[in-house]
PDB file of N, CA and C in Angstrom:
ATOM      1  N   UNK A   1      27.191  54.929  12.821  1.00  0.00           N
ATOM      2  CA  UNK A   1      27.950  53.719  12.607  1.00  0.00           C
ATOM      3  C   UNK A   1      27.102  52.512  12.934  1.00  0.00           C
ATOM      4  N   UNK A   2      27.416  51.437  12.317  1.00  0.00           N
ATOM      5  CA  UNK A   2      26.718  50.192  12.532  1.00  0.00           C
ATOM      6  C   UNK A   2      27.057  49.629  13.920  1.00  0.00           C
ATOM      7  N   UNK A   3      26.048  49.105  14.611  1.00  0.00           N
ATOM      8  CA  UNK A   3      26.258  48.558  15.953  1.00  0.00           C
ATOM      9  C   UNK A   3      27.261  47.408  15.960  1.00  0.00           C
ATOM     10  N   UNK A   4      27.180  46.543  14.952  1.00  0.00           N
ATOM     11  CA  UNK A   4      28.117  45.416  14.891  1.00  0.00           C
ATOM     12  C   UNK A   4      29.550  45.914  14.731  1.00  0.00           C
ATOM     13  N   UNK A   5      29.736  46.945  13.918  1.00  0.00           N
ATOM     14  CA  UNK A   5      31.076  47.510  13.746  1.00  0.00           C
ATOM     15  C   UNK A   5      31.612  48.044  15.079  1.00  0.00           C
ATOM     16  N   UNK A   6      30.765  48.787  15.808  1.00  0.00           N
ATOM     17  CA  UNK A   6      31.196  49.370  17.076  1.00  0.00           C
ATOM     18  C   UNK A   6      31.537  48.290  18.100  1.00  0.00           C
ATOM     19  N   UNK A   7      30.723  47.249  18.156  1.00  0.00           N
ATOM     20  CA  UNK A   7      31.009  46.147  19.094  1.00  0.00           C
ATOM     21  C   UNK A   7      32.329  45.466  18.751  1.00  0.00           C
ATOM     22  N   UNK A   8      32.535  45.193  17.473  1.00  0.00           N
ATOM     23  CA  UNK A   8      33.761  44.524  17.051  1.00  0.00           C
ATOM     24  C   UNK A   8      34.982  45.418  17.272  1.00  0.00           C
ATOM     25  N   UNK A   9      34.828  46.703  16.998  1.00  0.00           N
ATOM     26  CA  UNK A   9      35.956  47.622  17.209  1.00  0.00           C
ATOM     27  C   UNK A   9      36.303  47.712  18.690  1.00  0.00           C
ATOM     28  N   UNK A  10      35.291  47.768  19.556  1.00  0.00           N
ATOM     29  CA  UNK A  10      35.539  47.801  21.002  1.00  0.00           C
ATOM     30  C   UNK A  10      36.274  46.536  21.446  1.00  0.00           C
ATOM     31  N   UNK A  11      35.864  45.394  20.902  1.00  0.00           N
ATOM     32  CA  UNK A  11      36.517  44.124  21.249  1.00  0.00           C
ATOM     33  C   UNK A  11      37.977  44.126  20.794  1.00  0.00           C
ATOM     34  N   UNK A  12      38.227  44.622  19.591  1.00  0.00           N
ATOM     35  CA  UNK A  12      39.592  44.688  19.058  1.00  0.00           C
ATOM     36  C   UNK A  12      40.466  45.629  19.881  1.00  0.00           C
ATOM     37  N   UNK A  13      39.914  46.774  20.218  1.00  0.00           N
ATOM     38  CA  UNK A  13      40.682  47.764  20.984  1.00  0.00           C
ATOM     39  C   UNK A  13      41.001  47.219  22.377  1.00  0.00           C
ATOM     40  N   UNK A  14      40.059  46.520  22.998  1.00  0.00           N
ATOM     41  CA  UNK A  14      40.321  45.912  24.306  1.00  0.00           C
ATOM     42  C   UNK A  14      41.412  44.852  24.218  1.00  0.00           C
ATOM     43  N   UNK A  15      41.428  44.078  23.136  1.00  0.00           N
ATOM     44  CA  UNK A  15      42.480  43.068  22.956  1.00  0.00           C
ATOM     45  C   UNK A  15      43.846  43.736  22.816  1.00  0.00           C
ATOM     46  N   UNK A  16      43.896  44.844  22.098  1.00  0.00           N
ATOM     47  CA  UNK A  16      45.155  45.590  21.987  1.00  0.00           C
ATOM     48  C   UNK A  16      45.591  46.152  23.331  1.00  0.00           C
ATOM     49  N   UNK A  17      44.624  46.595  24.128  1.00  0.00           N
ATOM     50  CA  UNK A  17      44.930  47.196  25.429  1.00  0.00           C
ATOM     51  C   UNK A  17      45.597  46.189  26.366  1.00  0.00           C
ATOM     52  N   UNK A  18      45.259  44.918  26.222  1.00  0.00           N
ATOM     53  CA  UNK A  18      45.861  43.897  27.084  1.00  0.00           C
ATOM     54  C   UNK A  18      47.376  43.814  26.899  1.00  0.00           C
ATOM     55  N   UNK A  19      47.856  44.174  25.714  1.00  0.00           N
ATOM     56  CA  UNK A  19      49.286  44.051  25.403  1.00  0.00           C
ATOM     57  C   UNK A  19      50.034  45.379  25.511  1.00  0.00           C
ATOM     58  N   UNK A  20      49.340  46.457  25.799  1.00  0.00           N
ATOM     59  CA  UNK A  20      49.940  47.796  25.758  1.00  0.00           C
ATOM     60  C   UNK A  20      50.518  48.194  27.113  1.00  0.00           C
ATOM     61  N   UNK A  21      51.374  49.214  27.071  1.00  0.00           N
ATOM     62  CA  UNK A  21      51.906  49.758  28.315  1.00  0.00           C
ATOM     63  C   UNK A  21      50.789  50.522  29.040  1.00  0.00           C
ATOM     64  N   UNK A  22      50.987  50.874  30.324  1.00  0.00           N
ATOM     65  CA  UNK A  22      49.893  51.459  31.118  1.00  0.00           C
ATOM     66  C   UNK A  22      49.269  52.728  30.525  1.00  0.00           C
ATOM     67  N   UNK A  23      50.067  53.623  29.983  1.00  0.00           N
ATOM     68  CA  UNK A  23      49.520  54.858  29.427  1.00  0.00           C
ATOM     69  C   UNK A  23      48.630  54.558  28.221  1.00  0.00           C
ATOM     70  N   UNK A  24      49.150  53.766  27.297  1.00  0.00           N
ATOM     71  CA  UNK A  24      48.400  53.421  26.089  1.00  0.00           C
ATOM     72  C   UNK A  24      47.187  52.573  26.450  1.00  0.00           C
ATOM     73  N   UNK A  25      47.325  51.685  27.419  1.00  0.00           N
ATOM     74  CA  UNK A  25      46.201  50.854  27.859  1.00  0.00           C
ATOM     75  C   UNK A  25      45.038  51.726  28.317  1.00  0.00           C
ATOM     76  N   UNK A  26      45.348  52.756  29.103  1.00  0.00           N
ATOM     77  CA  UNK A  26      44.294  53.654  29.588  1.00  0.00           C
ATOM     78  C   UNK A  26      43.569  54.316  28.426  1.00  0.00           C
ATOM     79  N   UNK A  27      44.315  54.799  27.444  1.00  0.00           N
ATOM     80  CA  UNK A  27      43.717  55.465  26.291  1.00  0.00           C
ATOM     81  C   UNK A  27      42.885  54.495  25.447  1.00  0.00           C
ATOM     82  N   UNK A  28      43.399  53.287  25.260  1.00  0.00           N
ATOM     83  CA  UNK A  28      42.660  52.298  24.481  1.00  0.00           C
ATOM     84  C   UNK A  28      41.367  51.879  25.182  1.00  0.00           C
ATOM     85  N   UNK A  29      41.409  51.748  26.498  1.00  0.00           N
ATOM     86  CA  UNK A  29      40.199  51.392  27.229  1.00  0.00           C
ATOM     87  C   UNK A  29      39.171  52.525  27.163  1.00  0.00           C
ATOM     88  N   UNK A  30      39.640  53.765  27.143  1.00  0.00           N
ATOM     89  CA  UNK A  30      38.726  54.892  26.965  1.00  0.00           C
ATOM     90  C   UNK A  30      38.082  54.841  25.576  1.00  0.00           C
ATOM     91  N   UNK A  31      38.878  54.502  24.579  1.00  0.00           N
ATOM     92  CA  UNK A  31      38.354  54.390  23.223  1.00  0.00           C
ATOM     93  C   UNK A  31      37.332  53.261  23.127  1.00  0.00           C
ATOM     94  N   UNK A  32      37.618  52.137  23.740  1.00  0.00           N
ATOM     95  CA  UNK A  32      36.671  51.015  23.740  1.00  0.00           C
ATOM     96  C   UNK A  32      35.367  51.419  24.418  1.00  0.00           C
ATOM     97  N   UNK A  33      35.454  52.145  25.518  1.00  0.00           N
ATOM     98  CA  UNK A  33      34.250  52.610  26.213  1.00  0.00           C
ATOM     99  C   UNK A  33      33.445  53.549  25.312  1.00  0.00           C
ATOM    100  N   UNK A  34      34.142  54.368  24.528  1.00  0.00           N
ATOM    101  CA  UNK A  34      33.464  55.263  23.594  1.00  0.00           C
ATOM    102  C   UNK A  34      32.646  54.460  22.577  1.00  0.00           C
ATOM    103  N   UNK A  35      33.251  53.419  22.012  1.00  0.00           N
ATOM    104  CA  UNK A  35      32.537  52.589  21.049  1.00  0.00           C
ATOM    105  C   UNK A  35      31.342  51.897  21.708  1.00  0.00           C
ATOM    106  N   UNK A  36      31.503  51.441  22.930  1.00  0.00           N
ATOM    107  CA  UNK A  36      30.405  50.769  23.621  1.00  0.00           C
ATOM    108  C   UNK A  36      29.261  51.735  23.930  1.00  0.00           C
ATOM    109  N   UNK A  37      29.588  52.983  24.244  1.00  0.00           N
ATOM    110  CA  UNK A  37      28.533  53.979  24.477  1.00  0.00           C
ATOM    111  C   UNK A  37      27.741  54.244  23.195  1.00  0.00           C
ATOM    112  N   UNK A  38      28.436  54.229  22.060  1.00  0.00           N
ATOM    113  CA  UNK A  38      27.739  54.463  20.786  1.00  0.00           C
ATOM    114  C   UNK A  38      26.716  53.374  20.507  1.00  0.00           C
ATOM    115  N   UNK A  39      27.015  52.150  20.920  1.00  0.00           N
ATOM    116  CA  UNK A  39      26.072  51.053  20.730  1.00  0.00           C
ATOM    117  C   UNK A  39      24.868  51.241  21.646  1.00  0.00           C
ATOM    118  N   UNK A  40      25.102  51.720  22.859  1.00  0.00           N
ATOM    119  CA  UNK A  40      24.037  51.859  23.849  1.00  0.00           C
ATOM    120  C   UNK A  40      23.116  53.039  23.552  1.00  0.00           C
ATOM    121  N   UNK A  41      23.584  54.032  22.807  1.00  0.00           N
ATOM    122  CA  UNK A  41      22.795  55.235  22.534  1.00  0.00           C
ATOM    123  C   UNK A  41      21.944  55.059  21.287  1.00  0.00           C
ATOM    124  N   UNK A  42      20.772  55.699  21.259  1.00  0.00           N
ATOM    125  CA  UNK A  42      19.973  55.683  20.028  1.00  0.00           C
ATOM    126  C   UNK A  42      20.659  56.523  18.954  1.00  0.00           C
ATOM    127  N   UNK A  43      20.197  56.402  17.749  1.00  0.00           N
ATOM    128  CA  UNK A  43      20.749  57.186  16.646  1.00  0.00           C
ATOM    129  C   UNK A  43      20.696  58.676  16.977  1.00  0.00           C
ATOM    130  N   UNK A  44      21.668  59.430  16.506  1.00  0.00           N
ATOM    131  CA  UNK A  44      21.758  60.852  16.816  1.00  0.00           C
ATOM    132  C   UNK A  44      20.502  61.610  16.379  1.00  0.00           C
ATOM    133  N   UNK A  45      19.998  61.337  15.206  1.00  0.00           N
ATOM    134  CA  UNK A  45      18.811  62.058  14.725  1.00  0.00           C
ATOM    135  C   UNK A  45      17.619  61.791  15.639  1.00  0.00           C
ATOM    136  N   UNK A  46      17.457  60.558  16.079  1.00  0.00           N
ATOM    137  CA  UNK A  46      16.357  60.234  16.981  1.00  0.00           C
ATOM    138  C   UNK A  46      16.548  60.908  18.338  1.00  0.00           C
ATOM    139  N   UNK A  47      17.772  60.900  18.824  1.00  0.00           N
ATOM    140  CA  UNK A  47      18.068  61.467  20.130  1.00  0.00           C
ATOM    141  C   UNK A  47      17.899  62.981  20.123  1.00  0.00           C
ATOM    142  N   UNK A  48      18.282  63.641  19.034  1.00  0.00           N
ATOM    143  CA  UNK A  48      18.224  65.101  18.972  1.00  0.00           C
ATOM    144  C   UNK A  48      16.799  65.628  18.851  1.00  0.00           C
ATOM    145  N   UNK A  49      15.932  64.894  18.227  1.00  0.00           N
ATOM    146  CA  UNK A  49      14.601  65.407  17.938  1.00  0.00           C
ATOM    147  C   UNK A  49      13.502  64.817  18.817  1.00  0.00           C
ATOM    148  N   UNK A  50      13.792  63.779  19.521  1.00  0.00           N
ATOM    149  CA  UNK A  50      12.749  63.128  20.315  1.00  0.00           C
ATOM    150  C   UNK A  50      12.328  64.014  21.483  1.00  0.00           C
ATOM    151  N   UNK A  51      11.058  64.157  21.645  1.00  0.00           N
ATOM    152  CA  UNK A  51      10.457  64.860  22.778  1.00  0.00           C
ATOM    153  C   UNK A  51      10.893  66.323  22.905  1.00  0.00           C
ATOM    154  N   UNK A  52      11.263  66.945  21.826  1.00  0.00           N
ATOM    155  CA  UNK A  52      11.624  68.360  21.873  1.00  0.00           C
ATOM    156  C   UNK A  52      10.449  69.194  21.375  1.00  0.00           C
ATOM    157  N   UNK A  53      10.116  70.252  22.096  1.00  0.00           N
ATOM    158  CA  UNK A  53       9.043  71.128  21.604  1.00  0.00           C
ATOM    159  C   UNK A  53       9.548  71.943  20.417  1.00  0.00           C
ATOM    160  N   UNK A  54       8.640  72.404  19.620  1.00  0.00           N
ATOM    161  CA  UNK A  54       9.013  73.262  18.500  1.00  0.00           C
ATOM    162  C   UNK A  54       9.549  74.581  19.061  1.00  0.00           C
ATOM    163  N   UNK A  55      10.659  75.041  18.534  1.00  0.00           N
ATOM    164  CA  UNK A  55      11.281  76.262  19.044  1.00  0.00           C
ATOM    165  C   UNK A  55      10.712  77.513  18.406  1.00  0.00           C
ATOM    166  N   UNK A  56      10.215  77.390  17.180  1.00  0.00           N
ATOM    167  CA  UNK A  56       9.719  78.553  16.474  1.00  0.00           C
ATOM    168  C   UNK A  56       8.237  78.361  16.161  1.00  0.00           C
ATOM    169  N   UNK A  57       7.452  79.401  16.346  1.00  0.00           N
ATOM    170  CA  UNK A  57       6.046  79.288  15.946  1.00  0.00           C
ATOM    171  C   UNK A  57       5.944  79.263  14.431  1.00  0.00           C
ATOM    172  N   UNK A  58       4.864  78.771  13.962  1.00  0.00           N
ATOM    173  CA  UNK A  58       4.652  78.718  12.514  1.00  0.00           C
ATOM    174  C   UNK A  58       4.620  80.150  11.959  1.00  0.00           C
ATOM    175  N   UNK A  59       5.310  80.363  10.865  1.00  0.00           N
ATOM    176  CA  UNK A  59       5.332  81.705  10.273  1.00  0.00           C
ATOM    177  C   UNK A  59       4.260  81.862   9.211  1.00  0.00           C
ATOM    178  N   UNK A  60       3.614  80.766   8.836  1.00  0.00           N
ATOM    179  CA  UNK A  60       2.575  80.833   7.822  1.00  0.00           C
ATOM    180  C   UNK A  60       1.222  80.976   8.489  1.00  0.00           C
ATOM    181  N   UNK A  61       0.447  81.943   8.075  1.00  0.00           N
ATOM    182  CA  UNK A  61      -0.885  82.088   8.671  1.00  0.00           C
ATOM    183  C   UNK A  61      -1.775  80.909   8.280  1.00  0.00           C
ATOM    184  N   UNK A  62      -2.633  80.555   9.173  1.00  0.00           N
ATOM    185  CA  UNK A  62      -3.549  79.442   8.893  1.00  0.00           C
ATOM    186  C   UNK A  62      -4.954  79.931   8.681  1.00  0.00           C
TER     187      UNK A  62
END
């Protein structure tokens, strides 16, 4: 997802949480935190492959 989208969605969800009852407020704040974490994390493909050793040896003879 786009970082700007996640930031804006977190802001919108927090605004909704201000008007919600306590149970819904807790859930909305958790959702906003989820969106904020997505902005703070690198892309999934970069995160999954960065600094990982190869798991399988080459099967082709050199």
